[in-house]
Amino acid sequence: MLYNKIYLKLFLATLLLSMVNACNNSNDKKQTSDIKKDTVEKKAAIPEKRITPTKAPVINITDTVSIKQLVLCMKDSAANSERIGIKLAAIYGVKLGAVIKKNKLKVTGAPMAWYKSQKAPFFFEAGLPVDKKPAKLPKGVTIKQTGSDSVVVAHFYGPYDLTPQGYTALEDWIKDHKKKIIQAPYEVYVGDPMDKNGKLIDPYKVQTDIIFTWK
């Protein structure tokens, strides 16, 4: 079903966020999901404790124009970093997933999230690109239009808890090029952190795009 496909794509994308902060738990936690045409049955074990990265992330900076997209969004907040992944998974896989299913929408791109700050409490807006606007938007759900803006993108490959280095690289680029940030930065979860067999992929092969809009 479309809903299952949506849930899988978004859950895998947000798993990278949640598993980083799912540490210090004495019991192994398991999430099940599986990529098939219409079903989801893939297993992935979340590690008990955080593994300290042993090398720097790969960060490639690109100055470009944002893709034109219609994004279905919801706002939320998290009191601490441990709650971000949980909140995102709920928005992508359950709340927005239900709206998409009910309105027979098609997801046209990777999940996205806008962050107002990098410190707790975290206020953010999570969204999914869709093919059209629903006839009626439920309470708490909005539409955001992206596209035709000048952006600088950090194509980030590495453990998610090292993404602040991506933000720093973009801030340095903005400063060096004498530009001004005009919107809250956002992230696009391009790569899935697990393979088709449910095994965690080397985080240095998983892509997260960090995007600053500038003028």
N, C-alpha and C. Protein backbone atom coordinates (compact mmCIF):
# COMPACT_ATOMS: atom_id res chain seq x y z
N MET A 1 0.84 -1.20 0.00
CA MET A 1 0.00 0.00 0.00
C MET A 1 0.87 1.25 0.00
N LEU A 2 0.33 2.33 -0.55
CA LEU A 2 1.07 3.59 -0.61
C LEU A 2 1.51 4.03 0.78
N TYR A 3 0.62 3.88 1.76
CA TYR A 3 0.95 4.31 3.12
C TYR A 3 2.19 3.59 3.63
N ASN A 4 2.27 2.27 3.39
CA ASN A 4 3.41 1.50 3.87
C ASN A 4 4.70 1.95 3.20
N LYS A 5 4.63 2.25 1.90
CA LYS A 5 5.82 2.72 1.19
C LYS A 5 6.28 4.05 1.78
N ILE A 6 5.33 4.93 2.04
CA ILE A 6 5.65 6.24 2.61
C ILE A 6 6.28 6.06 3.98
N TYR A 7 5.65 5.24 4.81
CA TYR A 7 6.16 5.03 6.17
C TYR A 7 7.57 4.50 6.13
N LEU A 8 7.83 3.53 5.25
CA LEU A 8 9.15 2.94 5.18
C LEU A 8 10.20 3.96 4.79
N LYS A 9 9.95 4.68 3.72
CA LYS A 9 10.93 5.66 3.23
C LYS A 9 11.25 6.67 4.30
N LEU A 10 10.24 7.17 4.99
CA LEU A 10 10.45 8.21 5.96
C LEU A 10 11.00 7.68 7.26
N PHE A 11 10.56 6.47 7.63
CA PHE A 11 11.07 5.90 8.86
C PHE A 11 12.56 5.62 8.74
N LEU A 12 12.98 5.06 7.60
CA LEU A 12 14.39 4.78 7.41
C LEU A 12 15.21 6.05 7.44
N ALA A 13 14.67 7.10 6.84
CA ALA A 13 15.39 8.36 6.81
C ALA A 13 15.55 8.93 8.21
N THR A 14 14.51 8.84 9.02
CA THR A 14 14.57 9.42 10.36
C THR A 14 15.22 8.50 11.37
N LEU A 15 15.37 7.23 11.02
CA LEU A 15 16.02 6.30 11.93
C LEU A 15 17.43 6.76 12.26
N LEU A 16 18.11 7.36 11.27
CA LEU A 16 19.46 7.85 11.49
C LEU A 16 19.49 8.88 12.60
N LEU A 17 18.41 9.67 12.70
CA LEU A 17 18.32 10.65 13.76
C LEU A 17 18.08 9.97 15.10
N SER A 18 17.10 9.10 15.13
CA SER A 18 16.68 8.52 16.39
C SER A 18 17.69 7.56 16.98
N MET A 19 18.40 6.80 16.10
CA MET A 19 19.30 5.79 16.65
C MET A 19 20.52 6.41 17.31
N VAL A 20 20.91 7.61 16.87
CA VAL A 20 22.03 8.29 17.50
C VAL A 20 21.72 8.61 18.95
N ASN A 21 20.44 8.89 19.22
CA ASN A 21 20.03 9.30 20.55
C ASN A 21 19.27 8.22 21.31
N ALA A 22 19.27 7.02 20.77
CA ALA A 22 18.56 5.94 21.42
C ALA A 22 19.47 5.14 22.34
N CYS A 23 20.60 5.77 22.72
CA CYS A 23 21.59 5.08 23.52
C CYS A 23 21.22 5.00 24.99
N ASN A 24 22.16 4.42 25.78
CA ASN A 24 22.00 4.30 27.23
C ASN A 24 20.75 3.52 27.61
N ASN A 25 20.38 2.59 26.82
CA ASN A 25 19.22 1.75 27.10
C ASN A 25 19.75 0.35 27.35
N SER A 26 19.41 -0.25 28.47
CA SER A 26 19.95 -1.55 28.81
C SER A 26 19.38 -2.68 27.98
N ASN A 27 18.27 -2.44 27.30
CA ASN A 27 17.67 -3.46 26.44
C ASN A 27 17.81 -3.07 25.00
N ASP A 28 18.07 -4.05 24.14
CA ASP A 28 18.11 -3.78 22.69
C ASP A 28 16.73 -3.40 22.21
N LYS A 29 16.67 -2.36 21.39
CA LYS A 29 15.41 -1.94 20.80
C LYS A 29 15.43 -2.35 19.34
N LYS A 30 14.32 -2.85 18.87
CA LYS A 30 14.24 -3.27 17.47
C LYS A 30 13.07 -2.61 16.77
N GLN A 31 13.33 -2.16 15.55
CA GLN A 31 12.28 -1.60 14.70
C GLN A 31 12.16 -2.54 13.51
N THR A 32 10.94 -2.81 13.08
CA THR A 32 10.76 -3.70 11.93
C THR A 32 10.23 -2.93 10.75
N SER A 33 10.82 -3.23 9.59
CA SER A 33 10.37 -2.65 8.34
C SER A 33 10.99 -3.42 7.20
N ASP A 34 10.44 -3.36 6.03
CA ASP A 34 10.94 -4.14 4.89
C ASP A 34 10.48 -3.51 3.60
N ILE A 35 11.39 -3.35 2.63
CA ILE A 35 11.00 -2.76 1.36
C ILE A 35 10.53 -3.88 0.45
N LYS A 36 9.26 -3.89 0.17
CA LYS A 36 8.67 -4.71 -0.87
C LYS A 36 7.72 -3.82 -1.61
N LYS A 37 7.13 -4.30 -2.64
CA LYS A 37 6.28 -3.44 -3.45
C LYS A 37 5.13 -2.89 -2.65
N ASP A 38 4.50 -3.71 -1.85
CA ASP A 38 3.34 -3.23 -1.11
C ASP A 38 3.38 -3.56 0.38
N THR A 39 4.48 -4.10 0.90
CA THR A 39 4.54 -4.47 2.31
C THR A 39 5.82 -3.98 2.95
N VAL A 40 5.80 -3.96 4.28
CA VAL A 40 6.97 -3.51 5.02
C VAL A 40 7.30 -4.53 6.08
N GLU A 41 8.48 -5.19 5.97
CA GLU A 41 8.85 -6.22 6.92
C GLU A 41 10.34 -6.31 7.15
N LYS A 42 11.03 -5.24 7.31
CA LYS A 42 12.48 -5.27 7.41
C LYS A 42 12.92 -5.02 8.85
N LYS A 43 13.89 -5.77 9.35
CA LYS A 43 14.32 -5.64 10.73
C LYS A 43 15.62 -4.84 10.83
N ALA A 44 15.68 -4.06 11.90
CA ALA A 44 16.91 -3.30 12.15
C ALA A 44 17.09 -3.14 13.63
N ALA A 45 18.22 -3.55 14.13
CA ALA A 45 18.49 -3.43 15.56
C ALA A 45 19.19 -2.12 15.84
N ILE A 46 18.73 -1.40 16.84
CA ILE A 46 19.32 -0.12 17.21
C ILE A 46 20.35 -0.36 18.32
N PRO A 47 21.56 0.10 18.15
CA PRO A 47 22.60 -0.15 19.15
C PRO A 47 22.27 0.46 20.50
N GLU A 48 22.80 -0.18 21.55
CA GLU A 48 22.51 0.26 22.91
C GLU A 48 23.21 1.55 23.25
N LYS A 49 24.38 1.76 22.73
CA LYS A 49 25.11 2.96 23.09
C LYS A 49 25.75 3.60 21.88
N ARG A 50 26.04 4.85 22.02
CA ARG A 50 26.61 5.61 20.91
C ARG A 50 28.02 5.18 20.61
N ILE A 51 28.31 5.07 19.32
CA ILE A 51 29.68 4.76 18.89
C ILE A 51 30.36 6.05 18.49
N THR A 52 31.45 6.37 19.15
CA THR A 52 32.15 7.61 18.87
C THR A 52 32.79 7.55 17.48
N PRO A 53 32.45 8.49 16.61
CA PRO A 53 33.03 8.50 15.26
C PRO A 53 34.55 8.59 15.32
N THR A 54 35.20 7.86 14.43
CA THR A 54 36.67 7.84 14.44
C THR A 54 37.26 8.69 13.33
N LYS A 55 36.43 9.22 12.46
CA LYS A 55 36.95 10.07 11.40
C LYS A 55 35.96 11.18 11.07
N ALA A 56 36.47 12.19 10.40
CA ALA A 56 35.63 13.35 10.07
C ALA A 56 34.65 12.99 8.96
N PRO A 57 33.51 13.67 8.92
CA PRO A 57 32.54 13.42 7.86
C PRO A 57 33.05 13.98 6.53
N VAL A 58 32.45 13.52 5.45
CA VAL A 58 32.74 14.07 4.12
C VAL A 58 31.68 15.14 3.85
N ILE A 59 32.13 16.35 3.53
CA ILE A 59 31.21 17.47 3.30
C ILE A 59 31.57 18.13 1.98
N ASN A 60 30.65 18.05 1.04
CA ASN A 60 30.85 18.69 -0.26
C ASN A 60 29.89 19.87 -0.39
N ILE A 61 30.42 21.05 -0.64
CA ILE A 61 29.62 22.27 -0.71
C ILE A 61 29.25 22.59 -2.16
N THR A 62 27.97 22.87 -2.40
CA THR A 62 27.50 23.23 -3.74
C THR A 62 26.64 24.48 -3.66
N ASP A 63 26.94 25.45 -4.53
CA ASP A 63 26.12 26.66 -4.65
C ASP A 63 25.16 26.44 -5.82
N THR A 64 23.86 26.47 -5.56
CA THR A 64 22.91 26.09 -6.58
C THR A 64 21.57 26.81 -6.38
N VAL A 65 20.53 26.30 -7.01
CA VAL A 65 19.17 26.82 -6.86
C VAL A 65 18.28 25.69 -6.34
N SER A 66 17.43 26.00 -5.39
CA SER A 66 16.60 24.97 -4.79
C SER A 66 15.57 24.42 -5.78
N ILE A 67 15.22 23.17 -5.60
CA ILE A 67 14.26 22.51 -6.46
C ILE A 67 12.84 22.98 -6.11
N LYS A 68 12.04 23.21 -7.13
CA LYS A 68 10.67 23.64 -6.90
C LYS A 68 9.85 22.45 -6.41
N GLN A 69 9.30 22.60 -5.21
CA GLN A 69 8.53 21.51 -4.61
C GLN A 69 7.36 22.07 -3.79
N LEU A 70 6.31 21.28 -3.72
CA LEU A 70 5.17 21.56 -2.87
C LEU A 70 5.31 20.63 -1.68
N VAL A 71 5.48 21.20 -0.50
CA VAL A 71 5.81 20.39 0.67
C VAL A 71 4.69 20.44 1.71
N LEU A 72 4.21 19.27 2.09
CA LEU A 72 3.20 19.13 3.13
C LEU A 72 3.93 19.14 4.47
N CYS A 73 3.57 20.06 5.37
CA CYS A 73 4.37 20.27 6.58
C CYS A 73 3.57 20.25 7.88
N MET A 74 4.28 19.96 8.95
CA MET A 74 3.74 20.08 10.31
C MET A 74 4.84 20.63 11.21
N LYS A 75 4.44 21.48 12.14
CA LYS A 75 5.38 22.03 13.11
C LYS A 75 5.35 21.21 14.40
N ASP A 76 6.49 21.16 15.06
CA ASP A 76 6.57 20.46 16.34
C ASP A 76 7.81 20.95 17.08
N SER A 77 8.02 20.40 18.24
CA SER A 77 9.19 20.76 19.03
C SER A 77 9.63 19.55 19.84
N ALA A 78 10.87 19.59 20.28
CA ALA A 78 11.41 18.52 21.10
C ALA A 78 12.20 19.14 22.24
N ALA A 79 11.95 18.66 23.43
CA ALA A 79 12.62 19.21 24.60
C ALA A 79 14.11 18.89 24.62
N ASN A 80 14.48 17.80 23.98
CA ASN A 80 15.89 17.42 23.93
C ASN A 80 16.16 16.64 22.65
N SER A 81 17.41 16.37 22.38
CA SER A 81 17.79 15.71 21.13
C SER A 81 17.27 14.29 21.04
N GLU A 82 17.07 13.64 22.19
CA GLU A 82 16.58 12.27 22.19
C GLU A 82 15.19 12.16 21.59
N ARG A 83 14.42 13.27 21.61
CA ARG A 83 13.05 13.24 21.14
C ARG A 83 12.89 13.62 19.67
N ILE A 84 13.91 14.17 19.06
CA ILE A 84 13.78 14.64 17.68
C ILE A 84 13.42 13.52 16.72
N GLY A 85 14.19 12.43 16.75
CA GLY A 85 13.94 11.32 15.84
C GLY A 85 12.56 10.73 16.02
N ILE A 86 12.13 10.61 17.28
CA ILE A 86 10.80 10.06 17.58
C ILE A 86 9.72 10.95 17.01
N LYS A 87 9.87 12.26 17.20
CA LYS A 87 8.88 13.21 16.70
C LYS A 87 8.82 13.19 15.17
N LEU A 88 10.00 13.16 14.52
CA LEU A 88 10.03 13.15 13.07
C LEU A 88 9.39 11.89 12.51
N ALA A 89 9.70 10.74 13.11
CA ALA A 89 9.12 9.49 12.64
C ALA A 89 7.61 9.51 12.74
N ALA A 90 7.09 10.10 13.83
CA ALA A 90 5.64 10.18 14.01
C ALA A 90 5.00 11.09 12.96
N ILE A 91 5.66 12.19 12.67
CA ILE A 91 5.11 13.12 11.67
C ILE A 91 5.14 12.50 10.29
N TYR A 92 6.29 11.98 9.88
CA TYR A 92 6.43 11.43 8.54
C TYR A 92 5.56 10.17 8.34
N GLY A 93 5.71 9.24 9.24
CA GLY A 93 5.08 7.94 9.04
C GLY A 93 3.63 7.83 9.45
N VAL A 94 3.19 8.67 10.39
CA VAL A 94 1.83 8.54 10.90
C VAL A 94 0.96 9.73 10.52
N LYS A 95 1.33 10.92 10.96
CA LYS A 95 0.48 12.08 10.77
C LYS A 95 0.38 12.50 9.31
N LEU A 96 1.52 12.82 8.69
CA LEU A 96 1.48 13.20 7.29
C LEU A 96 1.15 12.00 6.40
N GLY A 97 1.58 10.83 6.84
CA GLY A 97 1.27 9.63 6.08
C GLY A 97 -0.23 9.42 5.95
N ALA A 98 -0.97 9.72 7.03
CA ALA A 98 -2.42 9.57 6.99
C ALA A 98 -3.06 10.58 6.05
N VAL A 99 -2.54 11.81 6.05
CA VAL A 99 -3.08 12.84 5.16
C VAL A 99 -2.83 12.45 3.70
N ILE A 100 -1.64 11.96 3.43
CA ILE A 100 -1.27 11.56 2.07
C ILE A 100 -2.15 10.39 1.60
N LYS A 101 -2.36 9.45 2.48
CA LYS A 101 -3.19 8.30 2.11
C LYS A 101 -4.64 8.72 1.86
N LYS A 102 -5.17 9.52 2.74
CA LYS A 102 -6.57 9.95 2.64
C LYS A 102 -6.81 10.76 1.37
N ASN A 103 -5.86 11.60 1.00
CA ASN A 103 -6.03 12.47 -0.16
C ASN A 103 -5.43 11.91 -1.45
N LYS A 104 -4.94 10.67 -1.37
CA LYS A 104 -4.37 9.99 -2.53
C LYS A 104 -3.27 10.82 -3.19
N LEU A 105 -2.38 11.32 -2.34
CA LEU A 105 -1.25 12.11 -2.83
C LEU A 105 -0.05 11.20 -3.12
N LYS A 106 0.88 11.73 -3.85
CA LYS A 106 2.09 11.00 -4.17
C LYS A 106 3.30 11.75 -3.61
N VAL A 107 4.13 11.04 -2.88
CA VAL A 107 5.36 11.63 -2.35
C VAL A 107 6.36 11.75 -3.49
N THR A 108 6.88 12.95 -3.70
CA THR A 108 7.73 13.21 -4.87
C THR A 108 9.21 13.40 -4.54
N GLY A 109 9.55 13.30 -3.26
CA GLY A 109 10.95 13.51 -2.90
C GLY A 109 11.24 13.01 -1.49
N ALA A 110 12.45 13.25 -1.04
CA ALA A 110 12.89 12.79 0.27
C ALA A 110 12.31 13.67 1.38
N PRO A 111 12.16 13.12 2.58
CA PRO A 111 11.66 13.90 3.72
C PRO A 111 12.59 15.06 4.05
N MET A 112 11.98 16.12 4.59
CA MET A 112 12.72 17.35 4.87
C MET A 112 12.38 17.84 6.28
N ALA A 113 13.25 18.68 6.83
CA ALA A 113 12.96 19.29 8.12
C ALA A 113 13.70 20.62 8.24
N TRP A 114 12.96 21.66 8.69
CA TRP A 114 13.53 22.99 8.93
C TRP A 114 13.76 23.15 10.41
N TYR A 115 14.92 23.63 10.79
CA TYR A 115 15.25 23.82 12.21
C TYR A 115 15.49 25.29 12.52
N LYS A 116 14.84 25.77 13.58
CA LYS A 116 15.01 27.16 13.98
C LYS A 116 16.24 27.35 14.85
N SER A 117 16.73 26.27 15.44
CA SER A 117 17.92 26.38 16.28
C SER A 117 18.59 25.03 16.36
N GLN A 118 19.83 25.03 16.78
CA GLN A 118 20.59 23.80 16.96
C GLN A 118 20.78 23.47 18.43
N LYS A 119 20.00 24.13 19.28
CA LYS A 119 20.09 23.89 20.71
C LYS A 119 18.70 23.63 21.28
N ALA A 120 18.65 22.87 22.37
CA ALA A 120 17.37 22.57 23.03
C ALA A 120 16.82 23.82 23.71
N PRO A 121 15.49 23.97 23.70
CA PRO A 121 14.50 23.11 23.04
C PRO A 121 14.52 23.33 21.54
N PHE A 122 14.26 22.25 20.80
CA PHE A 122 14.33 22.29 19.34
C PHE A 122 12.95 22.56 18.74
N PHE A 123 12.86 23.60 17.93
CA PHE A 123 11.62 23.91 17.22
C PHE A 123 11.87 23.64 15.74
N PHE A 124 11.01 22.86 15.13
CA PHE A 124 11.24 22.47 13.75
C PHE A 124 9.93 22.30 12.99
N GLU A 125 10.07 22.20 11.68
CA GLU A 125 8.94 21.97 10.79
C GLU A 125 9.34 20.83 9.86
N ALA A 126 8.61 19.74 9.90
CA ALA A 126 8.93 18.58 9.10
C ALA A 126 8.00 18.48 7.92
N GLY A 127 8.53 18.09 6.76
CA GLY A 127 7.68 18.06 5.58
C GLY A 127 8.01 16.97 4.58
N LEU A 128 7.00 16.69 3.75
CA LEU A 128 7.13 15.73 2.66
C LEU A 128 6.73 16.39 1.35
N PRO A 129 7.56 16.33 0.33
CA PRO A 129 7.17 16.86 -0.97
C PRO A 129 6.06 15.99 -1.57
N VAL A 130 5.01 16.62 -2.07
CA VAL A 130 3.90 15.88 -2.66
C VAL A 130 3.55 16.45 -4.03
N ASP A 131 2.75 15.69 -4.78
CA ASP A 131 2.45 16.08 -6.16
C ASP A 131 1.37 17.14 -6.28
N LYS A 132 0.54 17.31 -5.26
CA LYS A 132 -0.52 18.30 -5.35
C LYS A 132 -1.00 18.68 -3.95
N LYS A 133 -1.72 19.80 -3.87
CA LYS A 133 -2.26 20.26 -2.61
C LYS A 133 -3.56 19.53 -2.31
N PRO A 134 -3.74 19.06 -1.07
CA PRO A 134 -4.99 18.39 -0.71
C PRO A 134 -6.18 19.34 -0.84
N ALA A 135 -7.34 18.80 -1.09
CA ALA A 135 -8.55 19.62 -1.21
C ALA A 135 -8.80 20.39 0.08
N LYS A 136 -8.52 19.75 1.21
CA LYS A 136 -8.70 20.40 2.50
C LYS A 136 -7.56 19.99 3.42
N LEU A 137 -6.88 20.98 3.99
CA LEU A 137 -5.77 20.70 4.89
C LEU A 137 -6.28 20.49 6.31
N PRO A 138 -5.89 19.41 6.95
CA PRO A 138 -6.27 19.19 8.35
C PRO A 138 -5.64 20.24 9.26
N LYS A 139 -6.18 20.39 10.44
CA LYS A 139 -5.63 21.33 11.41
C LYS A 139 -4.19 20.96 11.73
N GLY A 140 -3.32 21.96 11.70
CA GLY A 140 -1.92 21.73 12.02
C GLY A 140 -1.05 21.36 10.83
N VAL A 141 -1.67 21.16 9.67
CA VAL A 141 -0.92 20.81 8.47
C VAL A 141 -0.93 22.00 7.52
N THR A 142 0.23 22.35 6.99
CA THR A 142 0.35 23.48 6.08
C THR A 142 1.07 23.06 4.80
N ILE A 143 1.06 23.96 3.83
CA ILE A 143 1.79 23.74 2.58
C ILE A 143 2.90 24.77 2.46
N LYS A 144 4.09 24.31 2.15
CA LYS A 144 5.23 25.19 1.95
C LYS A 144 5.72 25.02 0.51
N GLN A 145 5.98 26.12 -0.14
CA GLN A 145 6.48 26.07 -1.53
C GLN A 145 7.98 26.37 -1.53
N THR A 146 8.76 25.50 -2.14
CA THR A 146 10.19 25.76 -2.29
C THR A 146 10.51 25.88 -3.77
N GLY A 147 11.66 26.43 -4.06
CA GLY A 147 12.10 26.50 -5.44
C GLY A 147 12.48 27.88 -5.89
N SER A 148 13.44 27.93 -6.81
CA SER A 148 13.92 29.16 -7.43
C SER A 148 14.69 30.07 -6.46
N ASP A 149 15.04 29.56 -5.30
CA ASP A 149 15.84 30.34 -4.35
C ASP A 149 17.31 29.97 -4.50
N SER A 150 18.18 30.93 -4.26
CA SER A 150 19.61 30.64 -4.24
C SER A 150 19.95 29.93 -2.94
N VAL A 151 20.59 28.79 -3.04
CA VAL A 151 20.93 28.02 -1.85
C VAL A 151 22.36 27.52 -1.93
N VAL A 152 22.93 27.28 -0.77
CA VAL A 152 24.21 26.60 -0.70
C VAL A 152 23.96 25.32 0.10
N VAL A 153 24.44 24.20 -0.45
CA VAL A 153 24.12 22.89 0.10
C VAL A 153 25.39 22.19 0.57
N ALA A 154 25.32 21.62 1.76
CA ALA A 154 26.38 20.75 2.24
C ALA A 154 25.89 19.32 2.06
N HIS A 155 26.47 18.61 1.10
CA HIS A 155 26.16 17.20 0.93
C HIS A 155 26.99 16.45 1.98
N PHE A 156 26.31 16.03 3.02
CA PHE A 156 26.98 15.52 4.22
C PHE A 156 26.93 13.99 4.24
N TYR A 157 28.10 13.38 4.45
CA TYR A 157 28.19 11.93 4.58
C TYR A 157 28.92 11.62 5.89
N GLY A 158 28.21 11.02 6.81
CA GLY A 158 28.81 10.70 8.10
C GLY A 158 27.76 10.52 9.17
N PRO A 159 28.16 10.16 10.39
CA PRO A 159 27.22 9.99 11.49
C PRO A 159 26.42 11.27 11.72
N TYR A 160 25.15 11.11 12.03
CA TYR A 160 24.30 12.30 12.13
C TYR A 160 24.75 13.25 13.25
N ASP A 161 25.33 12.72 14.31
CA ASP A 161 25.73 13.62 15.39
C ASP A 161 26.93 14.48 15.03
N LEU A 162 27.47 14.31 13.82
CA LEU A 162 28.54 15.19 13.34
C LEU A 162 28.02 16.26 12.39
N THR A 163 26.70 16.31 12.16
CA THR A 163 26.16 17.30 11.23
C THR A 163 26.45 18.75 11.62
N PRO A 164 26.67 19.08 12.91
CA PRO A 164 27.06 20.46 13.20
C PRO A 164 28.27 20.92 12.40
N GLN A 165 29.14 20.00 12.00
CA GLN A 165 30.29 20.37 11.17
C GLN A 165 29.83 20.84 9.79
N GLY A 166 28.72 20.25 9.31
CA GLY A 166 28.15 20.68 8.05
C GLY A 166 27.60 22.09 8.14
N TYR A 167 26.94 22.38 9.25
CA TYR A 167 26.42 23.73 9.46
C TYR A 167 27.55 24.74 9.56
N THR A 168 28.62 24.36 10.24
CA THR A 168 29.77 25.26 10.37
C THR A 168 30.39 25.54 9.00
N ALA A 169 30.49 24.51 8.17
CA ALA A 169 31.06 24.68 6.82
C ALA A 169 30.21 25.64 6.00
N LEU A 170 28.88 25.53 6.13
CA LEU A 170 27.99 26.44 5.40
C LEU A 170 28.08 27.86 5.93
N GLU A 171 28.17 28.01 7.25
CA GLU A 171 28.31 29.34 7.83
C GLU A 171 29.60 30.01 7.35
N ASP A 172 30.66 29.23 7.24
CA ASP A 172 31.93 29.77 6.74
C ASP A 172 31.79 30.19 5.28
N TRP A 173 31.07 29.39 4.49
CA TRP A 173 30.86 29.73 3.07
C TRP A 173 30.07 31.04 2.95
N ILE A 174 29.02 31.17 3.75
CA ILE A 174 28.20 32.39 3.75
C ILE A 174 29.05 33.60 4.10
N LYS A 175 29.90 33.45 5.10
CA LYS A 175 30.75 34.56 5.53
C LYS A 175 31.78 34.90 4.46
N ASP A 176 32.43 33.88 3.90
CA ASP A 176 33.47 34.11 2.89
C ASP A 176 32.91 34.76 1.63
N HIS A 177 31.67 34.44 1.28
CA HIS A 177 31.06 34.98 0.06
C HIS A 177 30.20 36.22 0.32
N LYS A 178 30.25 36.69 1.58
CA LYS A 178 29.53 37.91 1.96
C LYS A 178 28.03 37.85 1.61
N LYS A 179 27.44 36.71 1.94
CA LYS A 179 26.02 36.50 1.71
C LYS A 179 25.25 36.59 3.01
N LYS A 180 23.92 36.59 2.90
CA LYS A 180 23.06 36.68 4.07
C LYS A 180 22.04 35.55 4.03
N ILE A 181 21.92 34.84 5.15
CA ILE A 181 20.93 33.77 5.26
C ILE A 181 19.56 34.41 5.42
N ILE A 182 18.58 33.99 4.62
CA ILE A 182 17.26 34.64 4.67
C ILE A 182 16.15 33.72 5.15
N GLN A 183 16.45 32.45 5.38
CA GLN A 183 15.45 31.52 5.89
C GLN A 183 16.09 30.55 6.85
N ALA A 184 15.26 29.87 7.62
CA ALA A 184 15.78 28.84 8.51
C ALA A 184 16.42 27.73 7.67
N PRO A 185 17.57 27.21 8.08
CA PRO A 185 18.19 26.12 7.33
C PRO A 185 17.32 24.87 7.39
N TYR A 186 17.49 24.01 6.41
CA TYR A 186 16.73 22.77 6.45
C TYR A 186 17.58 21.60 5.98
N GLU A 187 17.10 20.42 6.31
CA GLU A 187 17.81 19.20 5.97
C GLU A 187 16.93 18.33 5.09
N VAL A 188 17.57 17.61 4.17
CA VAL A 188 16.87 16.66 3.31
C VAL A 188 17.54 15.30 3.53
N TYR A 189 16.75 14.32 3.94
CA TYR A 189 17.29 13.01 4.27
C TYR A 189 17.30 12.13 3.02
N VAL A 190 18.35 12.29 2.24
CA VAL A 190 18.45 11.68 0.92
C VAL A 190 18.69 10.17 1.00
N GLY A 191 19.58 9.76 1.85
CA GLY A 191 19.97 8.35 1.91
C GLY A 191 19.30 7.59 3.05
N ASP A 192 18.99 6.33 2.80
CA ASP A 192 18.47 5.45 3.85
C ASP A 192 19.63 4.88 4.65
N PRO A 193 19.52 4.84 5.97
CA PRO A 193 20.62 4.33 6.78
C PRO A 193 20.70 2.80 6.85
N MET A 194 19.74 2.09 6.22
CA MET A 194 19.77 0.64 6.20
C MET A 194 19.68 0.12 4.78
N ASP A 195 20.26 -1.05 4.55
CA ASP A 195 20.16 -1.65 3.23
C ASP A 195 18.89 -2.49 3.13
N LYS A 196 18.70 -3.15 1.99
CA LYS A 196 17.46 -3.90 1.76
C LYS A 196 17.33 -5.10 2.70
N ASN A 197 18.43 -5.50 3.33
CA ASN A 197 18.39 -6.63 4.26
C ASN A 197 18.24 -6.19 5.71
N GLY A 198 18.06 -4.91 5.93
CA GLY A 198 17.87 -4.41 7.28
C GLY A 198 19.14 -4.17 8.06
N LYS A 199 20.28 -4.19 7.37
CA LYS A 199 21.56 -3.94 8.04
C LYS A 199 21.93 -2.47 7.93
N LEU A 200 22.52 -1.94 8.99
CA LEU A 200 22.93 -0.54 8.99
C LEU A 200 24.04 -0.32 7.97
N ILE A 201 23.87 0.70 7.17
CA ILE A 201 24.88 1.07 6.18
C ILE A 201 25.96 1.91 6.85
N ASP A 202 27.16 1.82 6.36
CA ASP A 202 28.23 2.69 6.83
C ASP A 202 27.72 4.13 6.77
N PRO A 203 27.66 4.83 7.91
CA PRO A 203 27.11 6.19 7.90
C PRO A 203 27.85 7.14 6.98
N TYR A 204 29.09 6.83 6.65
CA TYR A 204 29.87 7.67 5.75
C TYR A 204 29.45 7.48 4.29
N LYS A 205 28.46 6.60 4.08
CA LYS A 205 27.89 6.40 2.75
C LYS A 205 26.44 6.86 2.68
N VAL A 206 25.95 7.42 3.78
CA VAL A 206 24.56 7.89 3.85
C VAL A 206 24.53 9.41 3.69
N GLN A 207 23.75 9.89 2.74
CA GLN A 207 23.73 11.33 2.41
C GLN A 207 22.61 12.08 3.12
N THR A 208 22.99 13.18 3.77
CA THR A 208 22.05 14.15 4.30
C THR A 208 22.43 15.51 3.72
N ASP A 209 21.50 16.18 3.10
CA ASP A 209 21.77 17.52 2.56
C ASP A 209 21.34 18.58 3.56
N ILE A 210 22.26 19.46 3.90
CA ILE A 210 21.98 20.60 4.77
C ILE A 210 21.94 21.83 3.88
N ILE A 211 20.87 22.59 3.96
CA ILE A 211 20.66 23.66 2.97
C ILE A 211 20.42 25.02 3.62
N PHE A 212 21.19 26.00 3.17
CA PHE A 212 21.01 27.39 3.59
C PHE A 212 20.49 28.19 2.39
N THR A 213 19.44 28.96 2.59
CA THR A 213 18.94 29.85 1.54
C THR A 213 19.56 31.22 1.74
N TRP A 214 20.10 31.82 0.69
CA TRP A 214 20.83 33.07 0.86
C TRP A 214 20.43 34.10 -0.20
N LYS A 215 20.86 35.34 0.06
CA LYS A 215 20.72 36.40 -0.95
C LYS A 215 21.95 37.28 -0.90
